[in-house]
């Protein structure tokens, strides 16, 4: 049987949790899948861990130099040959039925471009530490579409997508000029603005690891989250204007972009007053 699903797993110096991440994909109850691992020129033992797996479902590609997570995702996407593509992070853990549940949804709902799932947070010791409230609140397709005007409400590593639609957009690299990479949010905005739907399962599909070295943890410590939203939306809208594709949905995003700007400035002022 030809595989129906590919997972893209980008990794850079993720050796500490990588083995568990790989095992969780290969151990899915739906086994007909491909795991595409993009090593973004790691300098730790990531390569050795990947090559220790003797499984024909793994497709391993290593960048000759470090290019960042957005480039790694685009490299992985270019290698996908299956109708569906899922995302996995090197420090997360897939729950066993994830692939089966998400594939079944896409098979039955042809108007769905992306199917997400709920997540639970875990720490470095695999202990559950809670849930993401926004993830639990925004479940229906309309609730997700409305929320996305303001902020991202789905976890990137919880999604499975239709490959053809995802490849038509790819992952935008321009926002890296601002010193951070939010690879998924612009993709969701493009998909929703062009009339596709993003749905979410009621099921938990992923254990999402937060720890001091995780991308999520580092972004929140280093950056004002309102600036991240502002510059992400600004870059997204610039690309839409360039391609003459502005929609009414984009005009709403433009309004919330300026709200993010105001919130970012107020947060900076508050921080200065506290010092």
Protein backbone atom coordinates (compact mmCIF):
# COMPACT_ATOMS: atom_id res chain seq x y z
CA UNK A 1 0.00 0.00 0.00
CA UNK A 2 1.27 3.46 -0.90
CA UNK A 3 1.68 5.75 2.13
CA UNK A 4 -1.08 8.33 2.53
CA UNK A 5 0.60 10.56 5.11
CA UNK A 6 4.01 12.16 5.46
CA UNK A 7 5.31 13.76 8.65
CA UNK A 8 7.82 16.61 8.44
CA UNK A 9 10.10 16.76 11.47
CA UNK A 10 12.68 19.59 11.45
CA UNK A 11 15.45 19.32 14.00
CA UNK A 12 18.39 21.46 15.07
CA UNK A 13 20.42 20.21 18.03
CA UNK A 14 17.37 18.42 19.38
CA UNK A 15 19.08 15.23 20.44
CA UNK A 16 17.79 15.30 24.01
CA UNK A 17 14.17 14.50 23.08
CA UNK A 18 14.48 13.44 19.44
CA UNK A 19 14.38 9.68 19.96
CA UNK A 20 11.02 9.84 21.75
CA UNK A 21 9.61 12.12 19.05
CA UNK A 22 10.64 9.71 16.28
CA UNK A 23 9.37 6.67 18.18
CA UNK A 24 5.99 8.32 18.69
CA UNK A 25 5.55 8.80 14.94
CA UNK A 26 6.79 5.35 13.94
CA UNK A 27 4.58 3.78 16.63
CA UNK A 28 1.32 5.21 15.27
CA UNK A 29 -1.65 2.83 15.01
CA UNK A 30 -1.86 3.87 11.34
CA UNK A 31 1.51 2.60 10.06
CA UNK A 32 1.41 3.55 6.35
CA UNK A 33 3.35 6.78 6.64
CA UNK A 34 6.61 8.48 5.75
CA UNK A 35 8.68 10.37 8.32
CA UNK A 36 10.72 13.11 6.63
CA UNK A 37 13.40 14.36 9.01
CA UNK A 38 15.20 17.57 8.07
CA UNK A 39 18.39 18.03 10.08
CA UNK A 40 19.21 21.74 9.93
CA UNK A 41 22.97 21.14 10.26
CA UNK A 42 22.89 20.01 13.90
CA UNK A 43 26.16 19.89 15.82
CA UNK A 44 24.95 17.53 18.57
CA UNK A 45 24.10 13.83 18.32
CA UNK A 46 20.86 14.35 16.35
CA UNK A 47 22.29 12.73 13.22
CA UNK A 48 23.42 9.62 15.11
CA UNK A 49 20.01 9.24 16.74
CA UNK A 50 18.20 9.50 13.40
CA UNK A 51 20.50 7.01 11.69
CA UNK A 52 20.15 4.52 14.55
CA UNK A 53 16.58 3.79 13.40
CA UNK A 54 16.40 0.95 10.91
CA UNK A 55 13.00 1.82 9.45
CA UNK A 56 12.31 2.18 5.73
CA UNK A 57 9.65 4.80 6.47
CA UNK A 58 12.28 7.38 7.47
CA UNK A 59 13.52 9.81 4.81
CA UNK A 60 16.52 11.71 6.19
CA UNK A 61 17.86 14.93 4.69
CA UNK A 62 20.59 17.11 6.22
CA UNK A 63 21.18 20.76 5.33
CA UNK A 64 24.80 21.64 4.58
CA UNK A 65 24.42 24.80 6.68
CA UNK A 66 21.97 26.03 9.27
CA UNK A 67 19.07 27.76 7.51
CA UNK A 68 16.41 28.01 10.21
CA UNK A 69 13.15 26.22 10.88
CA UNK A 70 11.19 27.90 8.07
CA UNK A 71 13.68 26.74 5.44
CA UNK A 72 13.71 23.28 7.02
CA UNK A 73 9.92 23.08 6.75
CA UNK A 74 10.05 24.15 3.10
CA UNK A 75 12.73 21.54 2.36
CA UNK A 76 10.56 18.90 3.98
CA UNK A 77 7.47 20.06 2.12
CA UNK A 78 9.30 19.80 -1.20
CA UNK A 79 9.97 16.11 -0.47
CA UNK A 80 6.37 15.18 0.35
CA UNK A 81 4.70 12.90 -2.21
CA UNK A 82 1.65 11.82 -0.21
CA UNK A 83 -1.80 13.46 -0.30
CA UNK A 84 -1.60 14.47 3.36
CA UNK A 85 1.24 16.04 5.34
CA UNK A 86 1.53 16.34 9.12
CA UNK A 87 3.93 18.38 11.24
CA UNK A 88 6.02 17.12 14.14
CA UNK A 89 8.52 18.87 16.39
CA UNK A 90 11.69 17.23 17.65
CA UNK A 91 10.73 17.58 21.32
CA UNK A 92 7.03 16.66 21.18
CA UNK A 93 5.28 13.29 21.45
CA UNK A 94 2.47 12.11 19.14
CA UNK A 95 -0.33 10.20 20.79
CA UNK A 96 -0.81 6.78 19.14
CA UNK A 97 -4.09 7.39 17.27
CA UNK A 98 -3.21 10.83 15.94
CA UNK A 99 -2.53 9.79 12.34
CA UNK A 100 -5.59 7.57 12.11
CA UNK A 101 -7.94 10.21 13.52
CA UNK A 102 -6.67 13.06 11.36
CA UNK A 103 -6.49 11.04 8.15
CA UNK A 104 -10.05 9.81 8.72
CA UNK A 105 -11.23 13.41 9.14
CA UNK A 106 -9.59 14.60 5.92
CA UNK A 107 -10.95 11.58 4.04
CA UNK A 108 -14.49 12.41 5.16
CA UNK A 109 -14.36 16.23 4.93
CA UNK A 110 -13.12 17.36 1.50
CA UNK A 111 -13.65 21.05 2.36
CA UNK A 112 -11.12 20.86 5.23
CA UNK A 113 -7.63 22.08 4.33
CA UNK A 114 -6.09 21.62 7.78
CA UNK A 115 -7.16 19.40 10.66
CA UNK A 116 -5.62 20.26 14.01
CA UNK A 117 -5.99 18.50 17.34
CA UNK A 118 -5.85 19.45 20.99
CA UNK A 119 -2.58 19.37 22.90
CA UNK A 120 -1.40 18.84 26.45
CA UNK A 121 1.75 20.48 27.79
CA UNK A 122 4.55 18.35 29.23
CA UNK A 123 7.87 19.27 30.82
CA UNK A 124 11.37 17.86 30.37
CA UNK A 125 10.41 14.82 32.45
CA UNK A 126 7.33 13.97 30.33
CA UNK A 127 5.06 15.13 33.16
CA UNK A 128 1.80 16.78 32.11
CA UNK A 129 1.77 20.42 33.19
CA UNK A 130 -1.55 21.67 31.83
CA UNK A 131 -3.35 22.67 28.66
CA UNK A 132 -3.48 25.72 26.40
CA UNK A 133 -6.79 27.47 27.19
CA UNK A 134 -7.11 29.06 23.73
CA UNK A 135 -6.60 25.64 22.15
CA UNK A 136 -9.51 24.26 24.19
CA UNK A 137 -11.80 27.24 23.59
CA UNK A 138 -11.47 27.57 19.81
CA UNK A 139 -12.59 24.27 18.32
CA UNK A 140 -15.28 24.89 15.68
CA UNK A 141 -14.14 26.01 12.24
CA UNK A 142 -15.88 29.38 12.55
CA UNK A 143 -14.43 29.97 16.03
CA UNK A 144 -10.95 29.21 14.67
CA UNK A 145 -11.41 31.53 11.69
CA UNK A 146 -12.64 34.36 13.92
CA UNK A 147 -9.86 33.89 16.48
CA UNK A 148 -7.10 33.83 13.86
CA UNK A 149 -7.81 37.47 13.03
CA UNK A 150 -6.40 38.27 16.46
CA UNK A 151 -3.93 35.47 17.24
CA UNK A 152 -2.93 31.91 16.43
CA UNK A 153 -5.08 29.33 18.21
CA UNK A 154 -3.69 26.01 16.95
CA UNK A 155 -0.38 24.28 17.62
CA UNK A 156 1.67 23.76 14.47
CA UNK A 157 2.84 20.31 15.50
CA UNK A 158 -0.77 19.19 15.99
CA UNK A 159 -1.87 19.57 12.36
CA UNK A 160 -2.36 17.39 9.31
CA UNK A 161 -2.86 19.24 6.01
CA UNK A 162 -3.74 18.60 2.40
CA UNK A 163 -0.41 18.56 0.63
CA UNK A 164 -1.53 20.27 -2.58
CA UNK A 165 -3.01 23.25 -0.74
CA UNK A 166 -0.04 23.58 1.61
CA UNK A 167 2.46 23.43 -1.25
CA UNK A 168 0.59 26.19 -3.09
CA UNK A 169 1.58 28.57 -0.25
CA UNK A 170 4.69 27.13 1.36
CA UNK A 171 6.17 28.67 4.48
CA UNK A 172 6.94 32.39 4.39
CA UNK A 173 10.52 33.38 5.24
CA UNK A 174 10.25 37.20 5.14
CA UNK A 175 9.35 37.64 8.82
CA UNK A 176 12.71 36.15 9.83
CA UNK A 177 14.12 39.60 9.00
CA UNK A 178 12.66 40.72 12.33
CA UNK A 179 14.66 38.16 14.28
CA UNK A 180 12.07 35.47 14.94
CA UNK A 181 10.37 32.67 13.02
CA UNK A 182 6.62 32.13 13.21
CA UNK A 183 6.34 29.62 10.42
CA UNK A 184 2.71 28.55 10.84
CA UNK A 185 0.59 31.65 11.51
CA UNK A 186 1.00 33.25 8.04
CA UNK A 187 0.11 29.90 6.45
CA UNK A 188 -3.13 29.71 8.45
CA UNK A 189 -4.02 33.27 7.49
CA UNK A 190 -3.45 32.57 3.79
CA UNK A 191 -5.55 29.42 3.93
CA UNK A 192 -8.45 31.10 5.74
CA UNK A 193 -8.34 34.27 3.66
CA UNK A 194 -8.66 32.23 0.47
CA UNK A 195 -11.79 30.47 1.69
CA UNK A 196 -10.47 27.13 2.94
CA UNK A 197 -11.39 25.73 6.34
CA UNK A 198 -9.30 24.77 9.35
CA UNK A 199 -10.96 22.28 11.68
CA UNK A 200 -9.94 20.81 15.03
CA UNK A 201 -10.57 17.40 16.55
CA UNK A 202 -12.08 17.14 20.01
CA UNK A 203 -9.31 14.62 20.76
CA UNK A 204 -5.88 15.20 22.26
CA UNK A 205 -3.33 14.28 19.58
CA UNK A 206 -0.04 15.60 20.94
CA UNK A 207 2.05 16.11 24.07
CA UNK A 208 3.64 19.51 23.51
CA UNK A 209 6.88 19.95 25.37
CA UNK A 210 7.76 23.27 26.97
CA UNK A 211 11.21 23.63 28.49
CA UNK A 212 13.88 26.35 28.74
CA UNK A 213 15.50 25.46 25.40
CA UNK A 214 12.25 25.07 23.43
CA UNK A 215 11.44 27.55 20.68
CA UNK A 216 8.24 28.53 22.47
CA UNK A 217 10.03 29.18 25.71
CA UNK A 218 12.79 31.23 24.12
CA UNK A 219 10.40 33.39 22.06
CA UNK A 220 8.28 34.25 25.09
CA UNK A 221 11.34 35.23 27.12
CA UNK A 222 13.06 37.26 24.41
CA UNK A 223 10.16 38.92 22.61
CA UNK A 224 7.11 41.00 23.34
CA UNK A 225 4.35 38.70 22.00
CA UNK A 226 2.38 41.66 20.64
CA UNK A 227 5.37 42.68 18.50
CA UNK A 228 5.55 39.12 17.17
CA UNK A 229 1.89 39.28 16.16
CA UNK A 230 2.28 42.77 14.71
CA UNK A 231 5.28 41.97 12.51
CA UNK A 232 3.89 38.59 11.47
CA UNK A 233 0.64 40.18 10.29
CA UNK A 234 2.46 43.08 8.67
CA UNK A 235 4.69 40.77 6.65
CA UNK A 236 1.72 38.59 5.73
CA UNK A 237 -0.29 41.59 4.47
CA UNK A 238 2.68 42.94 2.52
CA UNK A 239 2.90 39.64 0.66
CA UNK A 240 -0.85 39.59 0.01
CA UNK A 241 -0.72 43.15 -1.38
CA UNK A 242 2.23 42.26 -3.57
CA UNK A 243 0.19 39.43 -5.07
CA UNK A 244 -2.96 41.60 -5.35
CA UNK A 245 -4.94 39.16 -3.23
CA UNK A 246 -6.35 41.29 -0.39
CA UNK A 247 -9.72 40.07 0.90
CA UNK A 248 -12.20 41.36 3.47
CA UNK A 249 -10.64 38.89 5.90
CA UNK A 250 -7.27 40.57 5.31
CA UNK A 251 -8.79 43.97 6.04
CA UNK A 252 -9.89 42.69 9.44
CA UNK A 253 -6.37 41.39 10.04
CA UNK A 254 -5.06 44.85 9.16
CA UNK A 255 -7.20 46.35 11.96
CA UNK A 256 -5.98 43.87 14.56
CA UNK A 257 -2.40 44.43 13.41
CA UNK A 258 -2.62 48.03 14.62
CA UNK A 259 -4.23 46.87 17.86
CA UNK A 260 -1.18 44.63 18.35
CA UNK A 261 1.05 47.65 17.75
CA UNK A 262 -0.75 49.64 20.44
CA UNK A 263 -0.63 46.72 22.90
CA UNK A 264 3.09 46.23 22.23
CA UNK A 265 3.83 49.89 22.92
CA UNK A 266 1.74 49.87 26.10
CA UNK A 267 3.54 46.75 27.31
CA UNK A 268 6.90 48.48 26.78
CA UNK A 269 5.74 51.59 28.63
CA UNK A 270 4.47 49.49 31.53
CA UNK A 271 7.79 47.62 31.72
CA UNK A 272 9.70 50.92 31.91
CA UNK A 273 7.44 52.25 34.65
CA UNK A 274 7.93 49.13 36.76
CA UNK A 275 11.75 49.38 36.61
